[in-house]
Amino acid sequence: MNWMPLLLADPSACLRWLALRDLFERPPDDPEMIELAGLRQSDPQVMELLGFQESDGSWLAGVQPASGHAAPGRSGSRTLATAFALARLGFWGFDAAHPAVKRGAEYLFSQQQADGSWPLAEEAALTDGNSQMPASERYSMIPLQTAFPLRGLAACGYAADPRAERAYEWLLAQRLPDGAWPTGVAAGVFGYVAGYRKLAHSRWGCRSNTTGALMCLALHPARCSSEPARRALDLLLERETRELTSLGLEVARLVGAEPAHGFFTYFARFDLALLLDLCGRVGISKNEPRVAALLGFIHSHQGEYGLWEPSDWPQAARWLTFDLLRSLHRINNI
């Protein structure tokens, strides 16, 4: 099983650069890294995404290059579209040093409210999507309203920015006593938790909102190993089902092989590759029984050439393989 030549011969300069950096630990001054650092600026996927950026730094909702689909958020808000565009750029290895990233980040920060959160779009505030719902019964707070923008910023290295830190504090203030995050608050009470979003050992905890919050924490240089991050991951690891068909869903979204849409439903499918990434970033040992079982499941589906090949997104196989290998590398070094 030799995945090395398959990744290092991939057409994407971004993938080759990331593989050398994260799997082979090549230093920035390595000649091949220097060459690829230049080439990845003109990677076709990157150029296509940047071609849709508006003059104010935002991306319009409704169209995402490569996939041609909407960014997450049934509200279709420009904020969520921009947040997902930054998440993609961050996944490809770009940060504040890139002018487009900087403009996108400044746009998101310009939409941030004084308390550190981002506004809750009207469509997202509708309980069950019912446009006739009285205003008094609509959601007044949903943690994902801030988790999505914050995730995009953190993915590009802005997690420790003072403005982002205010968002983290707001997000932590919405946390339930049991360590989960709720669906939200509507009419002064916690919102209903649909069955697919229920968490074990949490009455009001919502898997979608808890996953969104944890993704933000996992991207922070210090908060990644904090008690809130570890507790949220502990709750997610309690899910016992393992769906192979969802393995790599988030990677597929980030590379444009799968549309990115939904708000509550964005995390409807349980992606074990995402869970493994979170384990590596939070710092959970491979000897933890639930992580060990997860690793066994992941390894059992590695193909004969060393690749993980999702049936729904075969074009994302090399990216998924890189992502899983990076997670395994992190966990093995804990």
C-alpha atoms as a PDB file:
ATOM      1  CA  MET A   1       0.000   0.000   0.000  1.00  0.00           C
ATOM      2  CA  ASN A   2       2.030   2.946  -1.247  1.00  0.00           C
ATOM      3  CA  TRP A   3       0.051   6.172  -1.277  1.00  0.00           C
ATOM      4  CA  MET A   4       3.159   8.374  -1.431  1.00  0.00           C
ATOM      5  CA  PRO A   5       3.628   8.604  -5.227  1.00  0.00           C
ATOM      6  CA  LEU A   6      -0.122   9.008  -5.727  1.00  0.00           C
ATOM      7  CA  LEU A   7      -0.274  12.087  -3.511  1.00  0.00           C
ATOM      8  CA  LEU A   8       3.010  13.611  -4.657  1.00  0.00           C
ATOM      9  CA  ALA A   9       2.047  13.226  -8.312  1.00  0.00           C
ATOM     10  CA  ASP A  10      -1.393  14.765  -7.914  1.00  0.00           C
ATOM     11  CA  PRO A  11      -2.171  17.644 -10.310  1.00  0.00           C
ATOM     12  CA  SER A  12      -3.005  19.927  -7.381  1.00  0.00           C
ATOM     13  CA  ALA A  13       0.005  21.913  -6.221  1.00  0.00           C
ATOM     14  CA  CYS A  14      -1.904  22.596  -3.000  1.00  0.00           C
ATOM     15  CA  LEU A  15      -2.223  18.902  -2.229  1.00  0.00           C
ATOM     16  CA  ARG A  16       1.443  18.206  -3.020  1.00  0.00           C
ATOM     17  CA  TRP A  17       2.554  21.152  -0.854  1.00  0.00           C
ATOM     18  CA  LEU A  18       0.369  20.074   2.066  1.00  0.00           C
ATOM     19  CA  ALA A  19       1.519  16.455   1.823  1.00  0.00           C
ATOM     20  CA  LEU A  20       5.170  17.511   1.997  1.00  0.00           C
ATOM     21  CA  ARG A  21       4.495  19.909   4.874  1.00  0.00           C
ATOM     22  CA  ASP A  22       2.182  17.822   7.046  1.00  0.00           C
ATOM     23  CA  LEU A  23       3.102  14.221   6.245  1.00  0.00           C
ATOM     24  CA  PHE A  24       6.815  14.524   5.492  1.00  0.00           C
ATOM     25  CA  GLU A  25       7.456  17.588   7.702  1.00  0.00           C
ATOM     26  CA  ARG A  26       9.488  19.407   5.066  1.00  0.00           C
ATOM     27  CA  PRO A  27      10.633  22.868   6.259  1.00  0.00           C
ATOM     28  CA  PRO A  28       9.467  26.020   4.435  1.00  0.00           C
ATOM     29  CA  ASP A  29      12.939  26.602   2.971  1.00  0.00           C
ATOM     30  CA  ASP A  30      13.039  23.186   1.317  1.00  0.00           C
ATOM     31  CA  PRO A  31      13.567  23.774  -2.452  1.00  0.00           C
ATOM     32  CA  GLU A  32      10.533  21.707  -3.431  1.00  0.00           C
ATOM     33  CA  MET A  33       8.378  23.476  -0.857  1.00  0.00           C
ATOM     34  CA  ILE A  34       9.491  26.848  -2.220  1.00  0.00           C
ATOM     35  CA  GLU A  35       8.633  25.800  -5.757  1.00  0.00           C
ATOM     36  CA  LEU A  36       5.211  24.458  -4.781  1.00  0.00           C
ATOM     37  CA  ALA A  37       4.477  27.530  -2.653  1.00  0.00           C
ATOM     38  CA  GLY A  38       4.575  29.545  -5.854  1.00  0.00           C
ATOM     39  CA  LEU A  39       2.692  27.027  -7.964  1.00  0.00           C
ATOM     40  CA  ARG A  40      -0.171  26.648  -5.513  1.00  0.00           C
ATOM     41  CA  GLN A  41      -1.049  30.332  -5.914  1.00  0.00           C
ATOM     42  CA  SER A  42      -2.249  29.482  -9.424  1.00  0.00           C
ATOM     43  CA  ASP A  43      -3.842  26.137  -8.589  1.00  0.00           C
ATOM     44  CA  PRO A  44      -7.006  26.005 -10.774  1.00  0.00           C
ATOM     45  CA  GLN A  45      -9.337  25.409  -7.817  1.00  0.00           C
ATOM     46  CA  VAL A  46      -7.854  28.346  -5.943  1.00  0.00           C
ATOM     47  CA  MET A  47      -8.048  30.650  -8.950  1.00  0.00           C
ATOM     48  CA  GLU A  48     -11.669  29.682  -9.586  1.00  0.00           C
ATOM     49  CA  LEU A  49     -12.671  30.345  -5.984  1.00  0.00           C
ATOM     50  CA  LEU A  50     -10.869  33.699  -5.887  1.00  0.00           C
ATOM     51  CA  GLY A  51     -12.529  34.694  -9.148  1.00  0.00           C
ATOM     52  CA  PHE A  52     -15.876  34.809  -7.342  1.00  0.00           C
ATOM     53  CA  GLN A  53     -14.738  37.088  -4.523  1.00  0.00           C
ATOM     54  CA  GLU A  54     -16.499  40.453  -4.435  1.00  0.00           C
ATOM     55  CA  SER A  55     -14.711  43.787  -4.145  1.00  0.00           C
ATOM     56  CA  ASP A  56     -15.674  44.074  -0.459  1.00  0.00           C
ATOM     57  CA  GLY A  57     -13.943  40.750   0.291  1.00  0.00           C
ATOM     58  CA  SER A  58     -17.120  38.662   0.499  1.00  0.00           C
ATOM     59  CA  TRP A  59     -18.447  35.785  -1.552  1.00  0.00           C
ATOM     60  CA  LEU A  60     -22.036  35.827  -2.730  1.00  0.00           C
ATOM     61  CA  ALA A  61     -24.376  33.130  -1.493  1.00  0.00           C
ATOM     62  CA  GLY A  62     -25.853  30.754  -4.018  1.00  0.00           C
ATOM     63  CA  VAL A  63     -22.753  29.970  -6.069  1.00  0.00           C
ATOM     64  CA  GLN A  64     -19.573  28.250  -4.995  1.00  0.00           C
ATOM     65  CA  PRO A  65     -16.965  27.549  -7.674  1.00  0.00           C
ATOM     66  CA  ALA A  66     -15.803  24.030  -8.466  1.00  0.00           C
ATOM     67  CA  SER A  67     -19.023  22.574  -7.060  1.00  0.00           C
ATOM     68  CA  GLY A  68     -21.348  25.224  -8.436  1.00  0.00           C
ATOM     69  CA  HIS A  69     -23.468  24.891  -5.307  1.00  0.00           C
ATOM     70  CA  ALA A  70     -24.479  27.083  -2.410  1.00  0.00           C
ATOM     71  CA  ALA A  71     -22.423  27.610   0.707  1.00  0.00           C
ATOM     72  CA  PRO A  72     -23.782  26.331   4.049  1.00  0.00           C
ATOM     73  CA  GLY A  73     -26.795  28.139   5.359  1.00  0.00           C
ATOM     74  CA  ARG A  74     -30.347  27.896   4.100  1.00  0.00           C
ATOM     75  CA  SER A  75     -30.479  31.622   4.751  1.00  0.00           C
ATOM     76  CA  GLY A  76     -28.229  32.094   1.735  1.00  0.00           C
ATOM     77  CA  SER A  77     -26.357  34.800   3.605  1.00  0.00           C
ATOM     78  CA  ARG A  78     -23.201  36.384   2.276  1.00  0.00           C
ATOM     79  CA  THR A  79     -21.628  35.899   5.701  1.00  0.00           C
ATOM     80  CA  LEU A  80     -22.017  32.121   5.561  1.00  0.00           C
ATOM     81  CA  ALA A  81     -20.857  31.953   1.951  1.00  0.00           C
ATOM     82  CA  THR A  82     -17.734  33.922   2.857  1.00  0.00           C
ATOM     83  CA  ALA A  83     -17.142  31.765   5.926  1.00  0.00           C
ATOM     84  CA  PHE A  84     -17.195  28.599   3.833  1.00  0.00           C
ATOM     85  CA  ALA A  85     -14.932  30.127   1.182  1.00  0.00           C
ATOM     86  CA  LEU A  86     -12.382  30.895   3.918  1.00  0.00           C
ATOM     87  CA  ALA A  87     -12.774  27.360   5.287  1.00  0.00           C
ATOM     88  CA  ARG A  88     -11.842  26.053   1.836  1.00  0.00           C
ATOM     89  CA  LEU A  89      -8.838  28.352   1.542  1.00  0.00           C
ATOM     90  CA  GLY A  90      -7.721  27.374   5.028  1.00  0.00           C
ATOM     91  CA  PHE A  91      -8.033  23.700   4.172  1.00  0.00           C
ATOM     92  CA  TRP A  92      -5.786  24.305   1.163  1.00  0.00           C
ATOM     93  CA  GLY A  93      -3.190  25.877   3.441  1.00  0.00           C
ATOM     94  CA  PHE A  94      -3.734  29.607   2.884  1.00  0.00           C
ATOM     95  CA  ASP A  95      -3.725  32.148   5.712  1.00  0.00           C
ATOM     96  CA  ALA A  96      -3.695  35.890   6.391  1.00  0.00           C
ATOM     97  CA  ALA A  97      -0.579  36.281   4.250  1.00  0.00           C
ATOM     98  CA  HIS A  98      -2.800  35.882   1.190  1.00  0.00           C
ATOM     99  CA  PRO A  99      -4.563  39.154   0.224  1.00  0.00           C
ATOM    100  CA  ALA A 100      -7.854  37.420  -0.632  1.00  0.00           C
ATOM    101  CA  VAL A 101      -7.927  35.707   2.755  1.00  0.00           C
ATOM    102  CA  LYS A 102      -7.250  38.984   4.494  1.00  0.00           C
ATOM    103  CA  ARG A 103     -10.052  40.738   2.605  1.00  0.00           C
ATOM    104  CA  GLY A 104     -12.466  37.910   3.335  1.00  0.00           C
ATOM    105  CA  ALA A 105     -11.587  37.949   7.013  1.00  0.00           C
ATOM    106  CA  GLU A 106     -12.041  41.690   7.267  1.00  0.00           C
ATOM    107  CA  TYR A 107     -15.454  41.372   5.655  1.00  0.00           C
ATOM    108  CA  LEU A 108     -16.509  38.773   8.233  1.00  0.00           C
ATOM    109  CA  PHE A 109     -15.207  40.853  11.110  1.00  0.00           C
ATOM    110  CA  SER A 110     -17.123  43.860   9.733  1.00  0.00           C
ATOM    111  CA  GLN A 111     -20.349  41.864  10.177  1.00  0.00           C
ATOM    112  CA  GLN A 112     -19.551  40.828  13.753  1.00  0.00           C
ATOM    113  CA  GLN A 113     -21.739  42.186  16.544  1.00  0.00           C
ATOM    114  CA  ALA A 114     -20.514  43.932  19.664  1.00  0.00           C
ATOM    115  CA  ASP A 115     -20.999  40.828  21.831  1.00  0.00           C
ATOM    116  CA  GLY A 116     -18.703  38.786  19.588  1.00  0.00           C
ATOM    117  CA  SER A 117     -21.419  36.891  17.728  1.00  0.00           C
ATOM    118  CA  TRP A 118     -22.622  37.171  14.154  1.00  0.00           C
ATOM    119  CA  PRO A 119     -26.257  38.064  13.414  1.00  0.00           C
ATOM    120  CA  LEU A 120     -28.797  35.273  13.159  1.00  0.00           C
ATOM    121  CA  ALA A 121     -30.299  35.374   9.664  1.00  0.00           C
ATOM    122  CA  GLU A 122     -34.085  35.595   9.559  1.00  0.00           C
ATOM    123  CA  GLU A 123     -34.560  32.309   7.673  1.00  0.00           C
ATOM    124  CA  ALA A 124     -32.332  30.449  10.139  1.00  0.00           C
ATOM    125  CA  ALA A 125     -34.342  31.879  13.025  1.00  0.00           C
ATOM    126  CA  LEU A 126     -37.536  30.241  11.776  1.00  0.00           C
ATOM    127  CA  THR A 127     -38.367  27.165  13.817  1.00  0.00           C
ATOM    128  CA  ASP A 128     -38.758  24.235  11.407  1.00  0.00           C
ATOM    129  CA  GLY A 129     -38.609  26.657   8.484  1.00  0.00           C
ATOM    130  CA  ASN A 130     -42.157  27.888   9.152  1.00  0.00           C
ATOM    131  CA  SER A 131     -42.374  31.385   7.701  1.00  0.00           C
ATOM    132  CA  GLN A 132     -45.712  31.932   9.481  1.00  0.00           C
ATOM    133  CA  MET A 133     -44.168  31.382  12.903  1.00  0.00           C
ATOM    134  CA  PRO A 134     -44.834  34.373  15.206  1.00  0.00           C
ATOM    135  CA  ALA A 135     -41.726  36.464  15.791  1.00  0.00           C
ATOM    136  CA  SER A 136     -41.947  35.786  19.530  1.00  0.00           C
ATOM    137  CA  GLU A 137     -41.478  32.052  18.917  1.00  0.00           C
ATOM    138  CA  ARG A 138     -38.555  32.215  16.505  1.00  0.00           C
ATOM    139  CA  TYR A 139     -35.018  31.420  17.504  1.00  0.00           C
ATOM    140  CA  SER A 140     -33.213  34.305  19.138  1.00  0.00           C
ATOM    141  CA  MET A 141     -29.910  32.390  19.366  1.00  0.00           C
ATOM    142  CA  ILE A 142     -28.390  29.427  17.541  1.00  0.00           C
ATOM    143  CA  PRO A 143     -24.709  28.668  18.278  1.00  0.00           C
ATOM    144  CA  LEU A 144     -24.056  27.893  14.599  1.00  0.00           C
ATOM    145  CA  GLN A 145     -24.730  31.543  13.732  1.00  0.00           C
ATOM    146  CA  THR A 146     -21.268  32.238  15.141  1.00  0.00           C
ATOM    147  CA  ALA A 147     -19.633  28.823  14.785  1.00  0.00           C
ATOM    148  CA  PHE A 148     -19.744  28.897  10.976  1.00  0.00           C
ATOM    149  CA  PRO A 149     -18.048  32.321  10.560  1.00  0.00           C
ATOM    150  CA  LEU A 150     -15.590  31.608  13.361  1.00  0.00           C
ATOM    151  CA  ARG A 151     -14.630  28.255  11.818  1.00  0.00           C
ATOM    152  CA  GLY A 152     -13.763  29.983   8.523  1.00  0.00           C
ATOM    153  CA  LEU A 153     -11.639  32.575  10.293  1.00  0.00           C
ATOM    154  CA  ALA A 154      -9.895  30.039  12.513  1.00  0.00           C
ATOM    155  CA  ALA A 155      -9.135  27.817   9.516  1.00  0.00           C
ATOM    156  CA  CYS A 156      -7.116  30.695   8.062  1.00  0.00           C
ATOM    157  CA  GLY A 157      -5.169  31.414  11.244  1.00  0.00           C
ATOM    158  CA  TYR A 158      -7.313  34.121  12.831  1.00  0.00           C
ATOM    159  CA  ALA A 159      -8.292  32.122  15.921  1.00  0.00           C
ATOM    160  CA  ALA A 160      -6.114  34.185  18.277  1.00  0.00           C
ATOM    161  CA  ASP A 161      -7.187  37.527  16.795  1.00  0.00           C
ATOM    162  CA  PRO A 162      -8.844  39.577  19.595  1.00  0.00           C
ATOM    163  CA  ARG A 163     -12.029  39.853  17.531  1.00  0.00           C
ATOM    164  CA  ALA A 164     -12.142  36.086  17.109  1.00  0.00           C
ATOM    165  CA  GLU A 165     -11.459  35.611  20.814  1.00  0.00           C
ATOM    166  CA  ARG A 166     -14.624  37.579  21.560  1.00  0.00           C
ATOM    167  CA  ALA A 167     -16.516  35.161  19.337  1.00  0.00           C
ATOM    168  CA  TYR A 168     -15.051  32.221  21.247  1.00  0.00           C
ATOM    169  CA  GLU A 169     -16.200  33.748  24.516  1.00  0.00           C
ATOM    170  CA  TRP A 170     -19.708  34.231  23.139  1.00  0.00           C
ATOM    171  CA  LEU A 171     -19.750  30.636  21.926  1.00  0.00           C
ATOM    172  CA  LEU A 172     -18.615  29.308  25.302  1.00  0.00           C
ATOM    173  CA  ALA A 173     -21.301  31.380  27.024  1.00  0.00           C
ATOM    174  CA  GLN A 174     -23.946  29.395  25.092  1.00  0.00           C
ATOM    175  CA  ARG A 175     -22.579  26.062  26.320  1.00  0.00           C
ATOM    176  CA  LEU A 176     -24.838  23.851  28.434  1.00  0.00           C
ATOM    177  CA  PRO A 177     -23.748  22.653  31.902  1.00  0.00           C
ATOM    178  CA  ASP A 178     -23.224  19.128  30.518  1.00  0.00           C
ATOM    179  CA  GLY A 179     -20.683  20.425  27.971  1.00  0.00           C
ATOM    180  CA  ALA A 180     -22.863  20.293  24.855  1.00  0.00           C
ATOM    181  CA  TRP A 181     -24.298  23.157  22.821  1.00  0.00           C
ATOM    182  CA  PRO A 182     -28.078  23.440  22.396  1.00  0.00           C
ATOM    183  CA  THR A 183     -30.107  23.713  19.224  1.00  0.00           C
ATOM    184  CA  GLY A 184     -30.730  27.288  20.242  1.00  0.00           C
ATOM    185  CA  VAL A 185     -33.165  29.381  22.217  1.00  0.00           C
ATOM    186  CA  ALA A 186     -36.685  30.101  20.979  1.00  0.00           C
ATOM    187  CA  ALA A 187     -39.273  31.973  23.020  1.00  0.00           C
ATOM    188  CA  GLY A 188     -36.945  31.820  26.005  1.00  0.00           C
ATOM    189  CA  VAL A 189     -36.541  28.029  26.045  1.00  0.00           C
ATOM    190  CA  PHE A 190     -34.145  25.562  24.464  1.00  0.00           C
ATOM    191  CA  GLY A 191     -35.149  24.495  20.977  1.00  0.00           C
ATOM    192  CA  TYR A 192     -36.276  21.016  19.998  1.00  0.00           C
ATOM    193  CA  VAL A 193     -33.498  18.534  19.237  1.00  0.00           C
ATOM    194  CA  ALA A 194     -34.402  16.374  16.227  1.00  0.00           C
ATOM    195  CA  GLY A 195     -33.551  12.691  16.517  1.00  0.00           C
ATOM    196  CA  TYR A 196     -30.629  12.765  14.082  1.00  0.00           C
ATOM    197  CA  ARG A 197     -29.062  15.558  16.144  1.00  0.00           C
ATOM    198  CA  LYS A 198     -29.465  14.058  19.589  1.00  0.00           C
ATOM    199  CA  LEU A 199     -26.389  13.465  21.748  1.00  0.00           C
ATOM    200  CA  ALA A 200     -25.954  10.635  24.198  1.00  0.00           C
ATOM    201  CA  HIS A 201     -25.825  11.805  27.827  1.00  0.00           C
ATOM    202  CA  SER A 202     -27.236  15.246  27.043  1.00  0.00           C
ATOM    203  CA  ARG A 203     -30.897  16.190  27.292  1.00  0.00           C
ATOM    204  CA  TRP A 204     -30.739  19.433  25.338  1.00  0.00           C
ATOM    205  CA  GLY A 205     -27.442  18.977  23.516  1.00  0.00           C
ATOM    206  CA  CYS A 206     -27.528  19.260  19.710  1.00  0.00           C
ATOM    207  CA  ARG A 207     -24.944  17.276  17.730  1.00  0.00           C
ATOM    208  CA  SER A 208     -24.882  19.847  14.908  1.00  0.00           C
ATOM    209  CA  ASN A 209     -24.237  22.813  17.163  1.00  0.00           C
ATOM    210  CA  THR A 210     -21.791  20.886  19.339  1.00  0.00           C
ATOM    211  CA  THR A 211     -19.833  19.786  16.271  1.00  0.00           C
ATOM    212  CA  GLY A 212     -19.745  23.334  14.927  1.00  0.00           C
ATOM    213  CA  ALA A 213     -18.494  24.729  18.229  1.00  0.00           C
ATOM    214  CA  LEU A 214     -15.896  21.980  18.581  1.00  0.00           C
ATOM    215  CA  MET A 215     -14.533  22.617  15.092  1.00  0.00           C
ATOM    216  CA  CYS A 216     -13.835  26.196  16.141  1.00  0.00           C
ATOM    217  CA  LEU A 217     -12.163  25.157  19.400  1.00  0.00           C
ATOM    218  CA  ALA A 218     -10.071  22.516  17.629  1.00  0.00           C
ATOM    219  CA  LEU A 219      -8.605  25.183  15.315  1.00  0.00           C
ATOM    220  CA  HIS A 220      -7.471  27.419  18.200  1.00  0.00           C
ATOM    221  CA  PRO A 221      -3.803  27.080  19.250  1.00  0.00           C
ATOM    222  CA  ALA A 222      -4.651  26.963  22.970  1.00  0.00           C
ATOM    223  CA  ARG A 223      -8.363  26.209  23.255  1.00  0.00           C
ATOM    224  CA  CYS A 224      -7.952  23.028  21.180  1.00  0.00           C
ATOM    225  CA  SER A 225      -6.958  21.052  24.255  1.00  0.00           C
ATOM    226  CA  SER A 226      -9.221  22.858  26.727  1.00  0.00           C
ATOM    227  CA  GLU A 227     -11.847  21.181  28.871  1.00  0.00           C
ATOM    228  CA  PRO A 228     -14.732  22.441  26.690  1.00  0.00           C
ATOM    229  CA  ALA A 229     -13.099  20.947  23.586  1.00  0.00           C
ATOM    230  CA  ARG A 230     -12.340  17.626  25.249  1.00  0.00           C
ATOM    231  CA  ARG A 231     -15.823  17.349  26.734  1.00  0.00           C
ATOM    232  CA  ALA A 232     -17.512  18.129  23.404  1.00  0.00           C
ATOM    233  CA  LEU A 233     -15.386  15.486  21.692  1.00  0.00           C
ATOM    234  CA  ASP A 234     -16.203  13.033  24.466  1.00  0.00           C
ATOM    235  CA  LEU A 235     -19.912  13.512  23.733  1.00  0.00           C
ATOM    236  CA  LEU A 236     -19.436  13.028  19.986  1.00  0.00           C
ATOM    237  CA  LEU A 237     -17.400   9.878  20.498  1.00  0.00           C
ATOM    238  CA  GLU A 238     -20.340   8.306  22.302  1.00  0.00           C
ATOM    239  CA  ARG A 239     -22.085   7.773  18.979  1.00  0.00           C
ATOM    240  CA  GLU A 240     -21.681   4.075  18.221  1.00  0.00           C
ATOM    241  CA  THR A 241     -22.841   3.862  14.605  1.00  0.00           C
ATOM    242  CA  ARG A 242     -20.250   4.015  11.819  1.00  0.00           C
ATOM    243  CA  GLU A 243     -21.502   5.015   8.381  1.00  0.00           C
ATOM    244  CA  LEU A 244     -18.958   4.317   5.670  1.00  0.00           C
ATOM    245  CA  THR A 245     -20.995   6.238   3.094  1.00  0.00           C
ATOM    246  CA  SER A 246     -20.400   9.483   5.021  1.00  0.00           C
ATOM    247  CA  LEU A 247     -16.640   9.020   5.393  1.00  0.00           C
ATOM    248  CA  GLY A 248     -14.965  12.100   3.928  1.00  0.00           C
ATOM    249  CA  LEU A 249     -18.092  14.217   3.468  1.00  0.00           C
ATOM    250  CA  GLU A 250     -16.474  17.373   4.843  1.00  0.00           C
ATOM    251  CA  VAL A 251     -13.366  16.907   2.702  1.00  0.00           C
ATOM    252  CA  ALA A 252     -15.598  16.408  -0.340  1.00  0.00           C
ATOM    253  CA  ARG A 253     -17.311  19.706   0.433  1.00  0.00           C
ATOM    254  CA  LEU A 254     -14.041  21.540   0.891  1.00  0.00           C
ATOM    255  CA  VAL A 255     -12.638  20.391  -2.455  1.00  0.00           C
ATOM    256  CA  GLY A 256     -15.884  20.996  -4.334  1.00  0.00           C
ATOM    257  CA  ALA A 257     -16.936  17.385  -4.905  1.00  0.00           C
ATOM    258  CA  GLU A 258     -20.094  17.741  -2.813  1.00  0.00           C
ATOM    259  CA  PRO A 259     -22.414  20.747  -2.383  1.00  0.00           C
ATOM    260  CA  ALA A 260     -22.204  22.557   0.933  1.00  0.00           C
ATOM    261  CA  HIS A 261     -25.641  23.484   2.183  1.00  0.00           C
ATOM    262  CA  GLY A 262     -27.882  23.371   5.213  1.00  0.00           C
ATOM    263  CA  PHE A 263     -27.775  25.025   8.593  1.00  0.00           C
ATOM    264  CA  PHE A 264     -28.994  22.603  11.268  1.00  0.00           C
ATOM    265  CA  THR A 265     -28.719  19.872   8.643  1.00  0.00           C
ATOM    266  CA  TYR A 266     -25.132  20.693   7.652  1.00  0.00           C
ATOM    267  CA  PHE A 267     -23.921  17.968  10.051  1.00  0.00           C
ATOM    268  CA  ALA A 268     -26.870  15.630   9.494  1.00  0.00           C
ATOM    269  CA  ARG A 269     -24.543  12.891   8.263  1.00  0.00           C
ATOM    270  CA  PHE A 270     -21.909  11.671  10.719  1.00  0.00           C
ATOM    271  CA  ASP A 271     -18.515  11.982   9.032  1.00  0.00           C
ATOM    272  CA  LEU A 272     -15.905   9.794  10.713  1.00  0.00           C
ATOM    273  CA  ALA A 273     -13.057  11.504   8.858  1.00  0.00           C
ATOM    274  CA  LEU A 274     -14.117  14.786  10.453  1.00  0.00           C
ATOM    275  CA  LEU A 275     -14.330  13.084  13.852  1.00  0.00           C
ATOM    276  CA  LEU A 276     -10.812  11.674  13.399  1.00  0.00           C
ATOM    277  CA  ASP A 277      -9.524  15.129  12.448  1.00  0.00           C
ATOM    278  CA  LEU A 278     -11.032  16.530  15.641  1.00  0.00           C
ATOM    279  CA  CYS A 279      -9.432  13.748  17.702  1.00  0.00           C
ATOM    280  CA  GLY A 280      -6.020  14.618  16.304  1.00  0.00           C
ATOM    281  CA  ARG A 281      -6.425  18.349  16.865  1.00  0.00           C
ATOM    282  CA  VAL A 282      -7.836  18.042  20.390  1.00  0.00           C
ATOM    283  CA  GLY A 283      -5.148  15.523  21.336  1.00  0.00           C
ATOM    284  CA  ILE A 284      -6.924  12.278  22.179  1.00  0.00           C
ATOM    285  CA  SER A 285      -4.657   9.234  22.528  1.00  0.00           C
ATOM    286  CA  LYS A 286      -4.954   6.322  20.133  1.00  0.00           C
ATOM    287  CA  ASN A 287      -5.206   4.136  23.239  1.00  0.00           C
ATOM    288  CA  GLU A 288      -8.539   5.640  24.239  1.00  0.00           C
ATOM    289  CA  PRO A 289     -10.938   2.717  23.579  1.00  0.00           C
ATOM    290  CA  ARG A 290     -13.385   4.627  21.390  1.00  0.00           C
ATOM    291  CA  VAL A 291     -10.568   6.190  19.367  1.00  0.00           C
ATOM    292  CA  ALA A 292      -8.884   2.805  18.999  1.00  0.00           C
ATOM    293  CA  ALA A 293     -12.131   1.357  17.628  1.00  0.00           C
ATOM    294  CA  LEU A 294     -12.461   4.288  15.240  1.00  0.00           C
ATOM    295  CA  LEU A 295      -8.889   3.794  14.028  1.00  0.00           C
ATOM    296  CA  GLY A 296      -9.554   0.107  13.439  1.00  0.00           C
ATOM    297  CA  PHE A 297     -12.604   0.933  11.339  1.00  0.00           C
ATOM    298  CA  ILE A 298     -10.719   3.563   9.306  1.00  0.00           C
ATOM    299  CA  HIS A 299      -7.739   1.276   8.652  1.00  0.00           C
ATOM    300  CA  SER A 300     -10.011  -1.580   7.581  1.00  0.00           C
ATOM    301  CA  HIS A 301     -11.289   0.472   4.644  1.00  0.00           C
ATOM    302  CA  GLN A 302      -7.951   1.589   3.242  1.00  0.00           C
ATOM    303  CA  GLY A 303      -7.582   0.329  -0.339  1.00  0.00           C
ATOM    304  CA  GLU A 304      -4.830  -1.841  -1.761  1.00  0.00           C
ATOM    305  CA  TYR A 305      -2.957   1.183  -3.128  1.00  0.00           C
ATOM    306  CA  GLY A 306      -3.115   2.979   0.201  1.00  0.00           C
ATOM    307  CA  LEU A 307      -6.014   5.240  -0.716  1.00  0.00           C
ATOM    308  CA  TRP A 308      -9.401   5.693   0.881  1.00  0.00           C
ATOM    309  CA  GLU A 309     -11.840   5.882  -2.017  1.00  0.00           C
ATOM    310  CA  PRO A 310     -15.322   7.171  -1.147  1.00  0.00           C
ATOM    311  CA  SER A 311     -17.902   5.739  -3.504  1.00  0.00           C
ATOM    312  CA  ASP A 312     -19.864   8.997  -3.714  1.00  0.00           C
ATOM    313  CA  TRP A 313     -16.849  11.241  -4.314  1.00  0.00           C
ATOM    314  CA  PRO A 314     -14.138   9.279  -6.165  1.00  0.00           C
ATOM    315  CA  GLN A 315     -12.566  12.558  -7.329  1.00  0.00           C
ATOM    316  CA  ALA A 316     -11.856  13.411  -3.678  1.00  0.00           C
ATOM    317  CA  ALA A 317     -10.014  10.145  -2.900  1.00  0.00           C
ATOM    318  CA  ARG A 318      -6.517  11.630  -2.755  1.00  0.00           C
ATOM    319  CA  TRP A 319      -7.643  14.595  -0.686  1.00  0.00           C
ATOM    320  CA  LEU A 320      -9.463  12.298   1.734  1.00  0.00           C
ATOM    321  CA  THR A 321      -6.416  10.049   1.930  1.00  0.00           C
ATOM    322  CA  PHE A 322      -4.226  13.038   2.766  1.00  0.00           C
ATOM    323  CA  ASP A 323      -6.687  14.253   5.394  1.00  0.00           C
ATOM    324  CA  LEU A 324      -6.922  10.844   7.083  1.00  0.00           C
ATOM    325  CA  LEU A 325      -3.154  10.307   6.993  1.00  0.00           C
ATOM    326  CA  ARG A 326      -2.622  13.740   8.556  1.00  0.00           C
ATOM    327  CA  SER A 327      -5.085  12.895  11.334  1.00  0.00           C
ATOM    328  CA  LEU A 328      -3.404   9.534  11.925  1.00  0.00           C
ATOM    329  CA  HIS A 329      -0.009  11.242  12.009  1.00  0.00           C
ATOM    330  CA  ARG A 330      -1.225  13.670  14.682  1.00  0.00           C
ATOM    331  CA  ILE A 331      -2.804  10.953  16.792  1.00  0.00           C
ATOM    332  CA  ASN A 332       0.254   8.703  16.557  1.00  0.00           C
ATOM    333  CA  ASN A 333       2.415  11.576  17.818  1.00  0.00           C
ATOM    334  CA  ILE A 334       0.284  12.331  20.874  1.00  0.00           C
END
